[in-house]
Amino acid sequence: MKHLTNANDIYQANEIMCSDKEMWGQGYIVNEGIILWNMFHNKLKDMRKVILILITLAMMSLFTLLIKF
């Protein structure tokens, strides 16, 4: 999320994504990214799993963009 929005942190990236529905989709869907980030970051200390989840979220965002075309 940070990379896609050029944000400084995950929370700023979430705000950017939620505020631009045309680009990222509906806010409640985009907001799932920050919810999942918090859940996995706080509960899973194994970064390999966190990275896998982040890749999945990035793929979901890409899928959202492809649906619009």
PDB file of N, CA and C in Angstrom:
ATOM      1  N   MET A   1       0.824  -1.184   0.000  1.00  0.00           N
ATOM      2  CA  MET A   1       0.000   0.000   0.000  1.00  0.00           C
ATOM      3  C   MET A   1       0.872   1.254   0.000  1.00  0.00           C
ATOM      4  N   LYS A   2       1.922   1.232   0.816  1.00  0.00           N
ATOM      5  CA  LYS A   2       2.825   2.387   0.855  1.00  0.00           C
ATOM      6  C   LYS A   2       3.443   2.637  -0.512  1.00  0.00           C
ATOM      7  N   HIS A   3       3.879   1.571  -1.133  1.00  0.00           N
ATOM      8  CA  HIS A   3       4.545   1.696  -2.432  1.00  0.00           C
ATOM      9  C   HIS A   3       3.575   2.217  -3.502  1.00  0.00           C
ATOM     10  N   LEU A   4       2.366   1.707  -3.492  1.00  0.00           N
ATOM     11  CA  LEU A   4       1.391   2.102  -4.505  1.00  0.00           C
ATOM     12  C   LEU A   4       0.956   3.551  -4.383  1.00  0.00           C
ATOM     13  N   THR A   5       0.972   4.086  -3.163  1.00  0.00           N
ATOM     14  CA  THR A   5       0.494   5.456  -2.947  1.00  0.00           C
ATOM     15  C   THR A   5       1.621   6.456  -2.676  1.00  0.00           C
ATOM     16  N   ASN A   6       2.853   5.984  -2.619  1.00  0.00           N
ATOM     17  CA  ASN A   6       4.001   6.835  -2.265  1.00  0.00           C
ATOM     18  C   ASN A   6       3.816   7.490  -0.902  1.00  0.00           C
ATOM     19  N   ALA A   7       3.215   6.763   0.017  1.00  0.00           N
ATOM     20  CA  ALA A   7       2.963   7.279   1.366  1.00  0.00           C
ATOM     21  C   ALA A   7       4.146   6.980   2.283  1.00  0.00           C
ATOM     22  N   ASN A   8       4.174   7.679   3.408  1.00  0.00           N
ATOM     23  CA  ASN A   8       5.243   7.485   4.390  1.00  0.00           C
ATOM     24  C   ASN A   8       5.008   6.279   5.283  1.00  0.00           C
ATOM     25  N   ASP A   9       3.748   5.952   5.537  1.00  0.00           N
ATOM     26  CA  ASP A   9       3.446   4.799   6.372  1.00  0.00           C
ATOM     27  C   ASP A   9       2.137   4.166   5.915  1.00  0.00           C
ATOM     28  N   ILE A  10       1.816   3.038   6.496  1.00  0.00           N
ATOM     29  CA  ILE A  10       0.644   2.272   6.084  1.00  0.00           C
ATOM     30  C   ILE A  10      -0.651   3.023   6.369  1.00  0.00           C
ATOM     31  N   TYR A  11      -0.677   3.809   7.428  1.00  0.00           N
ATOM     32  CA  TYR A  11      -1.887   4.535   7.783  1.00  0.00           C
ATOM     33  C   TYR A  11      -2.161   5.671   6.801  1.00  0.00           C
ATOM     34  N   GLN A  12      -1.114   6.368   6.394  1.00  0.00           N
ATOM     35  CA  GLN A  12      -1.267   7.413   5.391  1.00  0.00           C
ATOM     36  C   GLN A  12      -1.690   6.796   4.051  1.00  0.00           C
ATOM     37  N   ALA A  13      -1.117   5.664   3.716  1.00  0.00           N
ATOM     38  CA  ALA A  13      -1.494   4.970   2.478  1.00  0.00           C
ATOM     39  C   ALA A  13      -2.970   4.585   2.512  1.00  0.00           C
ATOM     40  N   ASN A  14      -3.438   4.123   3.652  1.00  0.00           N
ATOM     41  CA  ASN A  14      -4.842   3.763   3.791  1.00  0.00           C
ATOM     42  C   ASN A  14      -5.740   4.979   3.588  1.00  0.00           C
ATOM     43  N   GLU A  15      -5.373   6.117   4.160  1.00  0.00           N
ATOM     44  CA  GLU A  15      -6.154   7.341   3.994  1.00  0.00           C
ATOM     45  C   GLU A  15      -6.223   7.752   2.529  1.00  0.00           C
ATOM     46  N   ILE A  16      -5.082   7.685   1.850  1.00  0.00           N
ATOM     47  CA  ILE A  16      -5.027   8.054   0.438  1.00  0.00           C
ATOM     48  C   ILE A  16      -5.928   7.136  -0.381  1.00  0.00           C
ATOM     49  N   MET A  17      -5.831   5.846  -0.131  1.00  0.00           N
ATOM     50  CA  MET A  17      -6.627   4.889  -0.898  1.00  0.00           C
ATOM     51  C   MET A  17      -8.120   5.045  -0.619  1.00  0.00           C
ATOM     52  N   CYS A  18      -8.483   5.246   0.626  1.00  0.00           N
ATOM     53  CA  CYS A  18      -9.899   5.388   0.976  1.00  0.00           C
ATOM     54  C   CYS A  18     -10.495   6.686   0.439  1.00  0.00           C
ATOM     55  N   SER A  19      -9.688   7.708   0.286  1.00  0.00           N
ATOM     56  CA  SER A  19     -10.199   8.998  -0.172  1.00  0.00           C
ATOM     57  C   SER A  19     -10.375   9.065  -1.685  1.00  0.00           C
ATOM     58  N   ASP A  20      -9.762   8.162  -2.429  1.00  0.00           N
ATOM     59  CA  ASP A  20      -9.850   8.192  -3.893  1.00  0.00           C
ATOM     60  C   ASP A  20     -10.591   6.954  -4.410  1.00  0.00           C
ATOM     61  N   LYS A  21     -11.906   7.019  -4.375  1.00  0.00           N
ATOM     62  CA  LYS A  21     -12.728   5.871  -4.773  1.00  0.00           C
ATOM     63  C   LYS A  21     -12.577   5.539  -6.247  1.00  0.00           C
ATOM     64  N   GLU A  22     -12.355   6.546  -7.066  1.00  0.00           N
ATOM     65  CA  GLU A  22     -12.193   6.309  -8.499  1.00  0.00           C
ATOM     66  C   GLU A  22     -10.965   5.441  -8.788  1.00  0.00           C
ATOM     67  N   MET A  23      -9.915   5.661  -8.039  1.00  0.00           N
ATOM     68  CA  MET A  23      -8.665   4.939  -8.274  1.00  0.00           C
ATOM     69  C   MET A  23      -8.620   3.589  -7.579  1.00  0.00           C
ATOM     70  N   TRP A  24      -9.055   3.536  -6.306  1.00  0.00           N
ATOM     71  CA  TRP A  24      -8.843   2.345  -5.485  1.00  0.00           C
ATOM     72  C   TRP A  24     -10.100   1.564  -5.167  1.00  0.00           C
ATOM     73  N   GLY A  25     -11.251   2.077  -5.471  1.00  0.00           N
ATOM     74  CA  GLY A  25     -12.489   1.367  -5.158  1.00  0.00           C
ATOM     75  C   GLY A  25     -13.112   1.879  -3.871  1.00  0.00           C
ATOM     76  N   GLN A  26     -14.144   1.196  -3.443  1.00  0.00           N
ATOM     77  CA  GLN A  26     -14.897   1.631  -2.279  1.00  0.00           C
ATOM     78  C   GLN A  26     -14.061   1.557  -1.011  1.00  0.00           C
ATOM     79  N   GLY A  27     -14.263   2.535  -0.138  1.00  0.00           N
ATOM     80  CA  GLY A  27     -13.465   2.654   1.067  1.00  0.00           C
ATOM     81  C   GLY A  27     -13.515   1.452   1.983  1.00  0.00           C
ATOM     82  N   TYR A  28     -14.694   0.844   2.112  1.00  0.00           N
ATOM     83  CA  TYR A  28     -14.782  -0.295   3.034  1.00  0.00           C
ATOM     84  C   TYR A  28     -13.979  -1.491   2.524  1.00  0.00           C
ATOM     85  N   ILE A  29     -13.787  -1.601   1.217  1.00  0.00           N
ATOM     86  CA  ILE A  29     -12.952  -2.673   0.676  1.00  0.00           C
ATOM     87  C   ILE A  29     -11.480  -2.331   0.884  1.00  0.00           C
ATOM     88  N   VAL A  30     -11.123  -1.098   0.560  1.00  0.00           N
ATOM     89  CA  VAL A  30      -9.735  -0.657   0.715  1.00  0.00           C
ATOM     90  C   VAL A  30      -9.319  -0.744   2.175  1.00  0.00           C
ATOM     91  N   ASN A  31     -10.216  -0.396   3.067  1.00  0.00           N
ATOM     92  CA  ASN A  31      -9.909  -0.381   4.496  1.00  0.00           C
ATOM     93  C   ASN A  31      -9.547  -1.763   5.028  1.00  0.00           C
ATOM     94  N   GLU A  32      -9.944  -2.810   4.316  1.00  0.00           N
ATOM     95  CA  GLU A  32      -9.580  -4.163   4.724  1.00  0.00           C
ATOM     96  C   GLU A  32      -8.060  -4.325   4.768  1.00  0.00           C
ATOM     97  N   GLY A  33      -7.351  -3.588   3.915  1.00  0.00           N
ATOM     98  CA  GLY A  33      -5.891  -3.673   3.903  1.00  0.00           C
ATOM     99  C   GLY A  33      -5.288  -3.284   5.243  1.00  0.00           C
ATOM    100  N   ILE A  34      -5.742  -2.191   5.811  1.00  0.00           N
ATOM    101  CA  ILE A  34      -5.204  -1.730   7.094  1.00  0.00           C
ATOM    102  C   ILE A  34      -5.651  -2.655   8.221  1.00  0.00           C
ATOM    103  N   ILE A  35      -6.862  -3.170   8.125  1.00  0.00           N
ATOM    104  CA  ILE A  35      -7.344  -4.114   9.144  1.00  0.00           C
ATOM    105  C   ILE A  35      -6.488  -5.373   9.124  1.00  0.00           C
ATOM    106  N   LEU A  36      -6.245  -5.905   7.941  1.00  0.00           N
ATOM    107  CA  LEU A  36      -5.400  -7.100   7.839  1.00  0.00           C
ATOM    108  C   LEU A  36      -3.969  -6.813   8.269  1.00  0.00           C
ATOM    109  N   TRP A  37      -3.454  -5.654   7.881  1.00  0.00           N
ATOM    110  CA  TRP A  37      -2.100  -5.281   8.291  1.00  0.00           C
ATOM    111  C   TRP A  37      -1.980  -5.303   9.807  1.00  0.00           C
ATOM    112  N   ASN A  38      -2.895  -4.645  10.479  1.00  0.00           N
ATOM    113  CA  ASN A  38      -2.858  -4.600  11.947  1.00  0.00           C
ATOM    114  C   ASN A  38      -2.986  -5.991  12.553  1.00  0.00           C
ATOM    115  N   MET A  39      -3.899  -6.772  12.020  1.00  0.00           N
ATOM    116  CA  MET A  39      -4.105  -8.101  12.565  1.00  0.00           C
ATOM    117  C   MET A  39      -2.848  -8.957  12.435  1.00  0.00           C
ATOM    118  N   PHE A  40      -2.270  -8.998  11.239  1.00  0.00           N
ATOM    119  CA  PHE A  40      -1.103  -9.845  11.036  1.00  0.00           C
ATOM    120  C   PHE A  40       0.149  -9.269  11.681  1.00  0.00           C
ATOM    121  N   HIS A  41       0.280  -7.962  11.659  1.00  0.00           N
ATOM    122  CA  HIS A  41       1.459  -7.341  12.252  1.00  0.00           C
ATOM    123  C   HIS A  41       1.486  -7.558  13.769  1.00  0.00           C
ATOM    124  N   ASN A  42       0.342  -7.497  14.391  1.00  0.00           N
ATOM    125  CA  ASN A  42       0.270  -7.647  15.843  1.00  0.00           C
ATOM    126  C   ASN A  42       0.285  -9.110  16.296  1.00  0.00           C
ATOM    127  N   LYS A  43      -0.269  -9.994  15.483  1.00  0.00           N
ATOM    128  CA  LYS A  43      -0.403 -11.387  15.916  1.00  0.00           C
ATOM    129  C   LYS A  43       0.669 -12.306  15.359  1.00  0.00           C
ATOM    130  N   LEU A  44       1.205 -11.978  14.209  1.00  0.00           N
ATOM    131  CA  LEU A  44       2.199 -12.846  13.588  1.00  0.00           C
ATOM    132  C   LEU A  44       3.547 -12.136  13.555  1.00  0.00           C
ATOM    133  N   LYS A  45       4.498 -12.707  14.187  1.00  0.00           N
ATOM    134  CA  LYS A  45       5.825 -12.104  14.202  1.00  0.00           C
ATOM    135  C   LYS A  45       6.717 -12.658  13.090  1.00  0.00           C
ATOM    136  N   ASP A  46       6.239 -13.703  12.422  1.00  0.00           N
ATOM    137  CA  ASP A  46       6.981 -14.290  11.314  1.00  0.00           C
ATOM    138  C   ASP A  46       6.752 -13.425  10.076  1.00  0.00           C
ATOM    139  N   MET A  47       7.746 -12.639   9.702  1.00  0.00           N
ATOM    140  CA  MET A  47       7.606 -11.689   8.610  1.00  0.00           C
ATOM    141  C   MET A  47       7.341 -12.350   7.262  1.00  0.00           C
ATOM    142  N   ARG A  48       7.705 -13.611   7.097  1.00  0.00           N
ATOM    143  CA  ARG A  48       7.412 -14.285   5.832  1.00  0.00           C
ATOM    144  C   ARG A  48       5.915 -14.356   5.597  1.00  0.00           C
ATOM    145  N   LYS A  49       5.154 -14.604   6.642  1.00  0.00           N
ATOM    146  CA  LYS A  49       3.704 -14.661   6.509  1.00  0.00           C
ATOM    147  C   LYS A  49       3.137 -13.274   6.238  1.00  0.00           C
ATOM    148  N   VAL A  50       3.690 -12.278   6.910  1.00  0.00           N
ATOM    149  CA  VAL A  50       3.226 -10.903   6.701  1.00  0.00           C
ATOM    150  C   VAL A  50       3.493 -10.486   5.261  1.00  0.00           C
ATOM    151  N   ILE A  51       4.659 -10.805   4.746  1.00  0.00           N
ATOM    152  CA  ILE A  51       4.994 -10.450   3.369  1.00  0.00           C
ATOM    153  C   ILE A  51       4.049 -11.144   2.397  1.00  0.00           C
ATOM    154  N   LEU A  52       3.720 -12.381   2.639  1.00  0.00           N
ATOM    155  CA  LEU A  52       2.782 -13.108   1.793  1.00  0.00           C
ATOM    156  C   LEU A  52       1.420 -12.418   1.779  1.00  0.00           C
ATOM    157  N   ILE A  53       0.976 -11.980   2.938  1.00  0.00           N
ATOM    158  CA  ILE A  53      -0.304 -11.277   3.025  1.00  0.00           C
ATOM    159  C   ILE A  53      -0.238  -9.963   2.268  1.00  0.00           C
ATOM    160  N   LEU A  54       0.862  -9.233   2.395  1.00  0.00           N
ATOM    161  CA  LEU A  54       0.991  -7.958   1.692  1.00  0.00           C
ATOM    162  C   LEU A  54       0.999  -8.151   0.179  1.00  0.00           C
ATOM    163  N   ILE A  55       1.619  -9.199  -0.282  1.00  0.00           N
ATOM    164  CA  ILE A  55       1.604  -9.498  -1.713  1.00  0.00           C
ATOM    165  C   ILE A  55       0.169  -9.789  -2.151  1.00  0.00           C
ATOM    166  N   THR A  56      -0.563 -10.525  -1.341  1.00  0.00           N
ATOM    167  CA  THR A  56      -1.955 -10.819  -1.647  1.00  0.00           C
ATOM    168  C   THR A  56      -2.772  -9.542  -1.717  1.00  0.00           C
ATOM    169  N   LEU A  57      -2.559  -8.624  -0.781  1.00  0.00           N
ATOM    170  CA  LEU A  57      -3.279  -7.347  -0.796  1.00  0.00           C
ATOM    171  C   LEU A  57      -2.948  -6.542  -2.039  1.00  0.00           C
ATOM    172  N   ALA A  58      -1.685  -6.539  -2.432  1.00  0.00           N
ATOM    173  CA  ALA A  58      -1.284  -5.822  -3.646  1.00  0.00           C
ATOM    174  C   ALA A  58      -1.970  -6.423  -4.868  1.00  0.00           C
ATOM    175  N   MET A  59      -2.077  -7.733  -4.907  1.00  0.00           N
ATOM    176  CA  MET A  59      -2.750  -8.386  -6.024  1.00  0.00           C
ATOM    177  C   MET A  59      -4.238  -8.048  -6.035  1.00  0.00           C
ATOM    178  N   MET A  60      -4.844  -7.940  -4.854  1.00  0.00           N
ATOM    179  CA  MET A  60      -6.254  -7.547  -4.776  1.00  0.00           C
ATOM    180  C   MET A  60      -6.447  -6.143  -5.306  1.00  0.00           C
ATOM    181  N   SER A  61      -5.535  -5.238  -4.979  1.00  0.00           N
ATOM    182  CA  SER A  61      -5.621  -3.864  -5.466  1.00  0.00           C
ATOM    183  C   SER A  61      -5.486  -3.826  -6.979  1.00  0.00           C
ATOM    184  N   LEU A  62      -4.561  -4.600  -7.507  1.00  0.00           N
ATOM    185  CA  LEU A  62      -4.378  -4.666  -8.949  1.00  0.00           C
ATOM    186  C   LEU A  62      -5.628  -5.225  -9.619  1.00  0.00           C
ATOM    187  N   PHE A  63      -6.218  -6.249  -9.034  1.00  0.00           N
ATOM    188  CA  PHE A  63      -7.442  -6.828  -9.567  1.00  0.00           C
ATOM    189  C   PHE A  63      -8.551  -5.788  -9.605  1.00  0.00           C
ATOM    190  N   THR A  64      -8.654  -4.961  -8.545  1.00  0.00           N
ATOM    191  CA  THR A  64      -9.653  -3.897  -8.499  1.00  0.00           C
ATOM    192  C   THR A  64      -9.454  -2.927  -9.649  1.00  0.00           C
ATOM    193  N   LEU A  65      -8.200  -2.587  -9.940  1.00  0.00           N
ATOM    194  CA  LEU A  65      -7.925  -1.674 -11.053  1.00  0.00           C
ATOM    195  C   LEU A  65      -8.274  -2.316 -12.387  1.00  0.00           C
ATOM    196  N   LEU A  66      -7.995  -3.579 -12.556  1.00  0.00           N
ATOM    197  CA  LEU A  66      -8.267  -4.262 -13.822  1.00  0.00           C
ATOM    198  C   LEU A  66      -9.758  -4.393 -14.080  1.00  0.00           C
ATOM    199  N   ILE A  67     -10.553  -4.527 -13.038  1.00  0.00           N
ATOM    200  CA  ILE A  67     -12.000  -4.651 -13.198  1.00  0.00           C
ATOM    201  C   ILE A  67     -12.573  -3.385 -13.839  1.00  0.00           C
ATOM    202  N   LYS A  68     -11.984  -2.237 -13.536  1.00  0.00           N
ATOM    203  CA  LYS A  68     -12.495  -0.973 -14.042  1.00  0.00           C
ATOM    204  C   LYS A  68     -12.273  -0.802 -15.532  1.00  0.00           C
ATOM    205  N   PHE A  69     -11.337  -1.565 -16.100  1.00  0.00           N
ATOM    206  CA  PHE A  69     -11.029  -1.403 -17.527  1.00  0.00           C
ATOM    207  C   PHE A  69     -11.763  -2.347 -18.365  1.00  0.00           C
TER     208      PHE A  69
END
